[in-house]
Amino acid sequence: TAEEPAPAAYRLAIPSIGLDHAMSGGGLSADGTIDPP
C-alpha cells in the first residue's frame, strides 16, 4: 500500500505509560512487511 501522508495533528497517547507521540499512516515496506521507521 502506498504510504499515505497523515496530518501532523494525529497523536497517540497512553497516559499509564507516559506515552504521547505523533503518528502517521503508511503501507508495506519494500520487503512486504509493516516496518515503521
PDB file of all heavy atoms in Angstrom:
ATOM      1  N   THR A   1       0.851  -1.180   0.000  1.00  0.00           N
ATOM      2  CA  THR A   1       0.000   0.000   0.000  1.00  0.00           C
ATOM      3  C   THR A   1       0.883   1.225   0.000  1.00  0.00           C
ATOM      4  O   THR A   1       1.802   1.320   0.785  1.00  0.00           O
ATOM      5  CB  THR A   1      -0.855   0.015   1.280  1.00  0.00           C
ATOM      6  OG1 THR A   1      -1.568  -1.210   1.355  1.00  0.00           O
ATOM      7  CG2 THR A   1      -1.809   1.177   1.285  1.00  0.00           C
ATOM      8  N   ALA A   2       0.605   2.151  -0.864  1.00  0.00           N
ATOM      9  CA  ALA A   2       1.426   3.352  -0.926  1.00  0.00           C
ATOM     10  C   ALA A   2       1.298   4.120   0.368  1.00  0.00           C
ATOM     11  O   ALA A   2       0.250   4.156   0.987  1.00  0.00           O
ATOM     12  CB  ALA A   2       0.959   4.210  -2.088  1.00  0.00           C
ATOM     13  N   GLU A   3       2.394   4.736   0.768  1.00  0.00           N
ATOM     14  CA  GLU A   3       2.369   5.499   2.006  1.00  0.00           C
ATOM     15  C   GLU A   3       1.438   6.679   1.868  1.00  0.00           C
ATOM     16  O   GLU A   3       1.404   7.358   0.867  1.00  0.00           O
ATOM     17  CB  GLU A   3       3.769   5.980   2.341  1.00  0.00           C
ATOM     18  CG  GLU A   3       3.853   6.446   3.753  1.00  0.00           C
ATOM     19  CD  GLU A   3       5.274   6.480   4.240  1.00  0.00           C
ATOM     20  OE1 GLU A   3       6.047   5.626   3.813  1.00  0.00           O
ATOM     21  OE2 GLU A   3       5.597   7.380   5.012  1.00  0.00           O
ATOM     22  N   GLU A   4       0.646   6.889   2.904  1.00  0.00           N
ATOM     23  CA  GLU A   4      -0.346   7.952   2.854  1.00  0.00           C
ATOM     24  C   GLU A   4       0.021   9.048   3.827  1.00  0.00           C
ATOM     25  O   GLU A   4       0.138   8.829   5.012  1.00  0.00           O
ATOM     26  CB  GLU A   4      -1.704   7.356   3.248  1.00  0.00           C
ATOM     27  CG  GLU A   4      -2.789   8.367   3.408  1.00  0.00           C
ATOM     28  CD  GLU A   4      -4.060   7.693   3.898  1.00  0.00           C
ATOM     29  OE1 GLU A   4      -4.319   6.564   3.468  1.00  0.00           O
ATOM     30  OE2 GLU A   4      -4.759   8.298   4.716  1.00  0.00           O
ATOM     31  N   PRO A   5       0.241  10.257   3.342  1.00  0.00           N
ATOM     32  CA  PRO A   5       0.629  11.338   4.231  1.00  0.00           C
ATOM     33  C   PRO A   5      -0.456  11.546   5.262  1.00  0.00           C
ATOM     34  O   PRO A   5      -1.625  11.472   4.960  1.00  0.00           O
ATOM     35  CB  PRO A   5       0.725  12.554   3.302  1.00  0.00           C
ATOM     36  CG  PRO A   5       0.829  11.963   1.942  1.00  0.00           C
ATOM     37  CD  PRO A   5       0.133  10.643   1.978  1.00  0.00           C
ATOM     38  N   ALA A   6      -0.083  11.770   6.505  1.00  0.00           N
ATOM     39  CA  ALA A   6      -1.081  11.964   7.530  1.00  0.00           C
ATOM     40  C   ALA A   6      -0.907  13.306   8.177  1.00  0.00           C
ATOM     41  O   ALA A   6       0.191  13.804   8.306  1.00  0.00           O
ATOM     42  CB  ALA A   6      -0.943  10.888   8.573  1.00  0.00           C
ATOM     43  N   PRO A   7      -1.997  13.908   8.581  1.00  0.00           N
ATOM     44  CA  PRO A   7      -1.915  15.211   9.222  1.00  0.00           C
ATOM     45  C   PRO A   7      -1.040  15.133  10.453  1.00  0.00           C
ATOM     46  O   PRO A   7      -1.096  14.188  11.210  1.00  0.00           O
ATOM     47  CB  PRO A   7      -3.373  15.507   9.608  1.00  0.00           C
ATOM     48  CG  PRO A   7      -4.173  14.652   8.684  1.00  0.00           C
ATOM     49  CD  PRO A   7      -3.349  13.424   8.444  1.00  0.00           C
ATOM     50  N   ALA A   8      -0.244  16.158  10.667  1.00  0.00           N
ATOM     51  CA  ALA A   8       0.658  16.163  11.818  1.00  0.00           C
ATOM     52  C   ALA A   8      -0.116  16.148  13.115  1.00  0.00           C
ATOM     53  O   ALA A   8       0.414  15.819  14.159  1.00  0.00           O
ATOM     54  CB  ALA A   8       1.545  17.401  11.750  1.00  0.00           C
ATOM     55  N   ALA A   9      -1.409  16.499  13.053  1.00  0.00           N
ATOM     56  CA  ALA A   9      -2.210  16.581  14.265  1.00  0.00           C
ATOM     57  C   ALA A   9      -2.464  15.218  14.897  1.00  0.00           C
ATOM     58  O   ALA A   9      -2.811  15.136  16.067  1.00  0.00           O
ATOM     59  CB  ALA A   9      -3.545  17.261  13.958  1.00  0.00           C
ATOM     60  N   TYR A  10      -2.338  14.145  14.134  1.00  0.00           N
ATOM     61  CA  TYR A  10      -2.614  12.827  14.690  1.00  0.00           C
ATOM     62  C   TYR A  10      -1.585  12.472  15.772  1.00  0.00           C
ATOM     63  O   TYR A  10      -0.382  12.520  15.538  1.00  0.00           O
ATOM     64  CB  TYR A  10      -2.585  11.760  13.599  1.00  0.00           C
ATOM     65  CG  TYR A  10      -3.898  11.600  12.865  1.00  0.00           C
ATOM     66  CD1 TYR A  10      -4.239  12.470  11.845  1.00  0.00           C
ATOM     67  CD2 TYR A  10      -4.786  10.595  13.199  1.00  0.00           C
ATOM     68  CE1 TYR A  10      -5.442  12.343  11.164  1.00  0.00           C
ATOM     69  CE2 TYR A  10      -5.998  10.446  12.522  1.00  0.00           C
ATOM     70  CZ  TYR A  10      -6.322  11.328  11.515  1.00  0.00           C
ATOM     71  OH  TYR A  10      -7.514  11.198  10.852  1.00  0.00           O
ATOM     72  N   ARG A  11      -2.110  12.104  16.957  1.00  0.00           N
ATOM     73  CA  ARG A  11      -1.229  11.707  18.050  1.00  0.00           C
ATOM     74  C   ARG A  11      -1.839  10.522  18.790  1.00  0.00           C
ATOM     75  O   ARG A  11      -3.068  10.371  18.858  1.00  0.00           O
ATOM     76  CB  ARG A  11      -0.998  12.846  19.051  1.00  0.00           C
ATOM     77  CG  ARG A  11      -0.314  14.066  18.463  1.00  0.00           C
ATOM     78  CD  ARG A  11       0.076  15.071  19.548  1.00  0.00           C
ATOM     79  NE  ARG A  11       1.178  14.568  20.376  1.00  0.00           N
ATOM     80  CZ  ARG A  11       2.469  14.656  20.036  1.00  0.00           C
ATOM     81  NH1 ARG A  11       2.821  15.229  18.888  1.00  0.00           N
ATOM     82  NH2 ARG A  11       3.414  14.198  20.837  1.00  0.00           N
ATOM     83  N   LEU A  12      -0.967   9.700  19.351  1.00  0.00           N
ATOM     84  CA  LEU A  12      -1.385   8.573  20.187  1.00  0.00           C
ATOM     85  C   LEU A  12      -0.881   8.817  21.596  1.00  0.00           C
ATOM     86  O   LEU A  12       0.308   9.097  21.792  1.00  0.00           O
ATOM     87  CB  LEU A  12      -0.789   7.263  19.656  1.00  0.00           C
ATOM     88  CG  LEU A  12      -1.024   6.019  20.536  1.00  0.00           C
ATOM     89  CD1 LEU A  12      -2.511   5.627  20.500  1.00  0.00           C
ATOM     90  CD2 LEU A  12      -0.147   4.854  20.064  1.00  0.00           C
ATOM     91  N   ALA A  13      -1.776   8.730  22.581  1.00  0.00           N
ATOM     92  CA  ALA A  13      -1.374   8.927  23.973  1.00  0.00           C
ATOM     93  C   ALA A  13      -1.889   7.779  24.837  1.00  0.00           C
ATOM     94  O   ALA A  13      -3.062   7.398  24.737  1.00  0.00           O
ATOM     95  CB  ALA A  13      -1.909  10.252  24.499  1.00  0.00           C
ATOM     96  N   ILE A  14      -0.995   7.225  25.655  1.00  0.00           N
ATOM     97  CA  ILE A  14      -1.375   6.203  26.631  1.00  0.00           C
ATOM     98  C   ILE A  14      -0.847   6.698  27.970  1.00  0.00           C
ATOM     99  O   ILE A  14       0.320   6.473  28.325  1.00  0.00           O
ATOM    100  CB  ILE A  14      -0.783   4.821  26.289  1.00  0.00           C
ATOM    101  CG1 ILE A  14      -1.147   4.421  24.847  1.00  0.00           C
ATOM    102  CG2 ILE A  14      -1.287   3.760  27.275  1.00  0.00           C
ATOM    103  CD1 ILE A  14      -0.551   3.084  24.404  1.00  0.00           C
ATOM    104  N   PRO A  15      -1.653   7.421  28.729  1.00  0.00           N
ATOM    105  CA  PRO A  15      -1.202   8.068  29.967  1.00  0.00           C
ATOM    106  C   PRO A  15      -0.552   7.128  30.976  1.00  0.00           C
ATOM    107  O   PRO A  15       0.399   7.518  31.657  1.00  0.00           O
ATOM    108  CB  PRO A  15      -2.494   8.676  30.526  1.00  0.00           C
ATOM    109  CG  PRO A  15      -3.331   8.927  29.306  1.00  0.00           C
ATOM    110  CD  PRO A  15      -3.053   7.762  28.411  1.00  0.00           C
ATOM    111  N   SER A  16      -1.009   5.892  31.068  1.00  0.00           N
ATOM    112  CA  SER A  16      -0.486   4.977  32.088  1.00  0.00           C
ATOM    113  C   SER A  16       0.990   4.656  31.903  1.00  0.00           C
ATOM    114  O   SER A  16       1.678   4.267  32.851  1.00  0.00           O
ATOM    115  CB  SER A  16      -1.283   3.669  32.103  1.00  0.00           C
ATOM    116  OG  SER A  16      -1.157   2.985  30.865  1.00  0.00           O
ATOM    117  N   ILE A  17       1.509   4.817  30.670  1.00  0.00           N
ATOM    118  CA  ILE A  17       2.935   4.554  30.432  1.00  0.00           C
ATOM    119  C   ILE A  17       3.664   5.828  29.990  1.00  0.00           C
ATOM    120  O   ILE A  17       4.808   5.769  29.540  1.00  0.00           O
ATOM    121  CB  ILE A  17       3.163   3.422  29.406  1.00  0.00           C
ATOM    122  CG1 ILE A  17       2.505   3.765  28.046  1.00  0.00           C
ATOM    123  CG2 ILE A  17       2.633   2.098  29.942  1.00  0.00           C
ATOM    124  CD1 ILE A  17       2.863   2.774  26.934  1.00  0.00           C
ATOM    125  N   GLY A  18       2.986   6.959  30.117  1.00  0.00           N
ATOM    126  CA  GLY A  18       3.629   8.229  29.778  1.00  0.00           C
ATOM    127  C   GLY A  18       3.911   8.412  28.305  1.00  0.00           C
ATOM    128  O   GLY A  18       4.828   9.160  27.927  1.00  0.00           O
ATOM    129  N   LEU A  19       3.113   7.776  27.453  1.00  0.00           N
ATOM    130  CA  LEU A  19       3.335   7.880  26.010  1.00  0.00           C
ATOM    131  C   LEU A  19       2.454   8.962  25.405  1.00  0.00           C
ATOM    132  O   LEU A  19       1.247   9.005  25.639  1.00  0.00           O
ATOM    133  CB  LEU A  19       3.023   6.547  25.331  1.00  0.00           C
ATOM    134  CG  LEU A  19       3.093   6.540  23.793  1.00  0.00           C
ATOM    135  CD1 LEU A  19       4.533   6.715  23.327  1.00  0.00           C
ATOM    136  CD2 LEU A  19       2.511   5.257  23.223  1.00  0.00           C
ATOM    137  N   ASP A  20       3.049   9.829  24.620  1.00  0.00           N
ATOM    138  CA  ASP A  20       2.319  10.840  23.854  1.00  0.00           C
ATOM    139  C   ASP A  20       3.169  11.120  22.624  1.00  0.00           C
ATOM    140  O   ASP A  20       4.212  11.764  22.708  1.00  0.00           O
ATOM    141  CB  ASP A  20       2.124  12.116  24.677  1.00  0.00           C
ATOM    142  CG  ASP A  20       1.268  13.147  23.952  1.00  0.00           C
ATOM    143  OD1 ASP A  20       0.967  12.949  22.759  1.00  0.00           O
ATOM    144  OD2 ASP A  20       0.910  14.167  24.583  1.00  0.00           O
ATOM    145  N   HIS A  21       2.746  10.598  21.463  1.00  0.00           N
ATOM    146  CA  HIS A  21       3.617  10.630  20.296  1.00  0.00           C
ATOM    147  C   HIS A  21       2.813  10.875  19.022  1.00  0.00           C
ATOM    148  O   HIS A  21       1.700  10.376  18.862  1.00  0.00           O
ATOM    149  CB  HIS A  21       4.359   9.292  20.172  1.00  0.00           C
ATOM    150  CG  HIS A  21       5.637   9.372  19.410  1.00  0.00           C
ATOM    151  ND1 HIS A  21       5.676   9.470  18.026  1.00  0.00           N
ATOM    152  CD2 HIS A  21       6.931   9.372  19.817  1.00  0.00           C
ATOM    153  CE1 HIS A  21       6.945   9.517  17.638  1.00  0.00           C
ATOM    154  NE2 HIS A  21       7.725   9.461  18.690  1.00  0.00           N
ATOM    155  N   ALA A  22       3.390  11.640  18.100  1.00  0.00           N
ATOM    156  CA  ALA A  22       2.768  11.855  16.796  1.00  0.00           C
ATOM    157  C   ALA A  22       2.736  10.538  16.027  1.00  0.00           C
ATOM    158  O   ALA A  22       3.567   9.653  16.250  1.00  0.00           O
ATOM    159  CB  ALA A  22       3.571  12.889  16.009  1.00  0.00           C
ATOM    160  N   MET A  23       1.766  10.402  15.138  1.00  0.00           N
ATOM    161  CA  MET A  23       1.719   9.194  14.299  1.00  0.00           C
ATOM    162  C   MET A  23       1.210   9.555  12.919  1.00  0.00           C
ATOM    163  O   MET A  23       0.582  10.601  12.719  1.00  0.00           O
ATOM    164  CB  MET A  23       0.845   8.109  14.932  1.00  0.00           C
ATOM    165  CG  MET A  23      -0.596   8.456  15.145  1.00  0.00           C
ATOM    166  SD  MET A  23      -1.501   7.029  15.839  1.00  0.00           S
ATOM    167  CE  MET A  23      -3.043   7.835  16.311  1.00  0.00           C
ATOM    168  N   SER A  24       1.524   8.705  11.962  1.00  0.00           N
ATOM    169  CA  SER A  24       1.117   8.941  10.586  1.00  0.00           C
ATOM    170  C   SER A  24       0.827   7.609   9.922  1.00  0.00           C
ATOM    171  O   SER A  24       1.182   6.546  10.436  1.00  0.00           O
ATOM    172  CB  SER A  24       2.222   9.686   9.819  1.00  0.00           C
ATOM    173  OG  SER A  24       3.409   8.918   9.811  1.00  0.00           O
ATOM    174  N   GLY A  25       0.166   7.668   8.773  1.00  0.00           N
ATOM    175  CA  GLY A  25      -0.181   6.450   8.064  1.00  0.00           C
ATOM    176  C   GLY A  25       0.938   5.976   7.157  1.00  0.00           C
ATOM    177  O   GLY A  25       1.782   6.754   6.717  1.00  0.00           O
ATOM    178  N   GLY A  26       0.958   4.684   6.883  1.00  0.00           N
ATOM    179  CA  GLY A  26       1.968   4.120   5.994  1.00  0.00           C
ATOM    180  C   GLY A  26       1.547   2.751   5.512  1.00  0.00           C
ATOM    181  O   GLY A  26       0.635   2.131   6.071  1.00  0.00           O
ATOM    182  N   GLY A  27       2.228   2.274   4.479  1.00  0.00           N
ATOM    183  CA  GLY A  27       1.916   0.965   3.918  1.00  0.00           C
ATOM    184  C   GLY A  27       3.021  -0.030   4.191  1.00  0.00           C
ATOM    185  O   GLY A  27       3.732   0.071   5.185  1.00  0.00           O
ATOM    186  N   LEU A  28       3.162  -0.975   3.292  1.00  0.00           N
ATOM    187  CA  LEU A  28       4.176  -2.012   3.455  1.00  0.00           C
ATOM    188  C   LEU A  28       5.531  -1.521   2.954  1.00  0.00           C
ATOM    189  O   LEU A  28       5.613  -0.729   2.025  1.00  0.00           O
ATOM    190  CB  LEU A  28       3.773  -3.261   2.678  1.00  0.00           C
ATOM    191  CG  LEU A  28       2.443  -3.911   3.076  1.00  0.00           C
ATOM    192  CD1 LEU A  28       2.175  -5.118   2.198  1.00  0.00           C
ATOM    193  CD2 LEU A  28       2.452  -4.288   4.547  1.00  0.00           C
ATOM    194  N   SER A  29       6.583  -2.010   3.566  1.00  0.00           N
ATOM    195  CA  SER A  29       7.928  -1.676   3.116  1.00  0.00           C
ATOM    196  C   SER A  29       8.231  -2.472   1.851  1.00  0.00           C
ATOM    197  O   SER A  29       7.440  -3.311   1.417  1.00  0.00           O
ATOM    198  CB  SER A  29       8.948  -2.007   4.207  1.00  0.00           C
ATOM    199  OG  SER A  29       8.911  -3.389   4.502  1.00  0.00           O
ATOM    200  N   ALA A  30       9.400  -2.229   1.275  1.00  0.00           N
ATOM    201  CA  ALA A  30       9.762  -2.888   0.015  1.00  0.00           C
ATOM    202  C   ALA A  30       9.758  -4.406   0.129  1.00  0.00           C
ATOM    203  O   ALA A  30       9.500  -5.116  -0.846  1.00  0.00           O
ATOM    204  CB  ALA A  30      11.130  -2.399  -0.447  1.00  0.00           C
ATOM    205  N   ASP A  31      10.026  -4.931   1.345  1.00  0.00           N
ATOM    206  CA  ASP A  31      10.057  -6.384   1.501  1.00  0.00           C
ATOM    207  C   ASP A  31       8.710  -6.931   1.940  1.00  0.00           C
ATOM    208  O   ASP A  31       8.590  -8.080   2.345  1.00  0.00           O
ATOM    209  CB  ASP A  31      11.161  -6.808   2.482  1.00  0.00           C
ATOM    210  CG  ASP A  31      10.923  -6.282   3.881  1.00  0.00           C
ATOM    211  OD1 ASP A  31       9.929  -5.537   4.083  1.00  0.00           O
ATOM    212  OD2 ASP A  31      11.714  -6.608   4.788  1.00  0.00           O
ATOM    213  N   GLY A  32       7.671  -6.100   1.876  1.00  0.00           N
ATOM    214  CA  GLY A  32       6.325  -6.582   2.171  1.00  0.00           C
ATOM    215  C   GLY A  32       5.989  -6.690   3.640  1.00  0.00           C
ATOM    216  O   GLY A  32       5.077  -7.424   4.017  1.00  0.00           O
ATOM    217  N   THR A  33       6.706  -5.957   4.492  1.00  0.00           N
ATOM    218  CA  THR A  33       6.418  -6.006   5.919  1.00  0.00           C
ATOM    219  C   THR A  33       5.913  -4.654   6.402  1.00  0.00           C
ATOM    220  O   THR A  33       6.063  -3.650   5.728  1.00  0.00           O
ATOM    221  CB  THR A  33       7.681  -6.367   6.730  1.00  0.00           C
ATOM    222  OG1 THR A  33       8.647  -5.321   6.571  1.00  0.00           O
ATOM    223  CG2 THR A  33       8.269  -7.682   6.261  1.00  0.00           C
ATOM    224  N   ILE A  34       5.334  -4.652   7.594  1.00  0.00           N
ATOM    225  CA  ILE A  34       4.927  -3.392   8.209  1.00  0.00           C
ATOM    226  C   ILE A  34       6.085  -2.995   9.103  1.00  0.00           C
ATOM    227  O   ILE A  34       6.298  -3.582  10.159  1.00  0.00           O
ATOM    228  CB  ILE A  34       3.662  -3.568   9.039  1.00  0.00           C
ATOM    229  CG1 ILE A  34       2.493  -3.927   8.132  1.00  0.00           C
ATOM    230  CG2 ILE A  34       3.368  -2.296   9.812  1.00  0.00           C
ATOM    231  CD1 ILE A  34       1.200  -4.191   8.857  1.00  0.00           C
ATOM    232  N   ASP A  35       6.842  -2.039   8.682  1.00  0.00           N
ATOM    233  CA  ASP A  35       8.086  -1.707   9.377  1.00  0.00           C
ATOM    234  C   ASP A  35       8.262  -0.200   9.478  1.00  0.00           C
ATOM    235  O   ASP A  35       8.931   0.413   8.671  1.00  0.00           O
ATOM    236  CB  ASP A  35       9.253  -2.338   8.616  1.00  0.00           C
ATOM    237  CG  ASP A  35      10.556  -2.211   9.367  1.00  0.00           C
ATOM    238  OD1 ASP A  35      10.549  -1.708  10.501  1.00  0.00           O
ATOM    239  OD2 ASP A  35      11.595  -2.613   8.820  1.00  0.00           O
ATOM    240  N   PRO A  36       7.644   0.415  10.499  1.00  0.00           N
ATOM    241  CA  PRO A  36       7.765   1.872  10.621  1.00  0.00           C
ATOM    242  C   PRO A  36       9.203   2.285  10.898  1.00  0.00           C
ATOM    243  O   PRO A  36       9.951   1.524  11.501  1.00  0.00           O
ATOM    244  CB  PRO A  36       6.852   2.203  11.808  1.00  0.00           C
ATOM    245  CG  PRO A  36       6.739   0.928  12.566  1.00  0.00           C
ATOM    246  CD  PRO A  36       6.842  -0.174  11.572  1.00  0.00           C
ATOM    247  N   PRO A  37       9.601   3.454  10.484  1.00  0.00           N
ATOM    248  CA  PRO A  37      10.959   3.922  10.776  1.00  0.00           C
ATOM    249  C   PRO A  37      11.173   4.006  12.282  1.00  0.00           C
ATOM    250  O   PRO A  37      10.219   4.252  13.038  1.00  0.00           O
ATOM    251  CB  PRO A  37      10.999   5.321  10.144  1.00  0.00           C
ATOM    252  CG  PRO A  37       9.939   5.272   9.082  1.00  0.00           C
ATOM    253  CD  PRO A  37       8.852   4.419   9.658  1.00  0.00           C
TER     254      PRO A  37
END
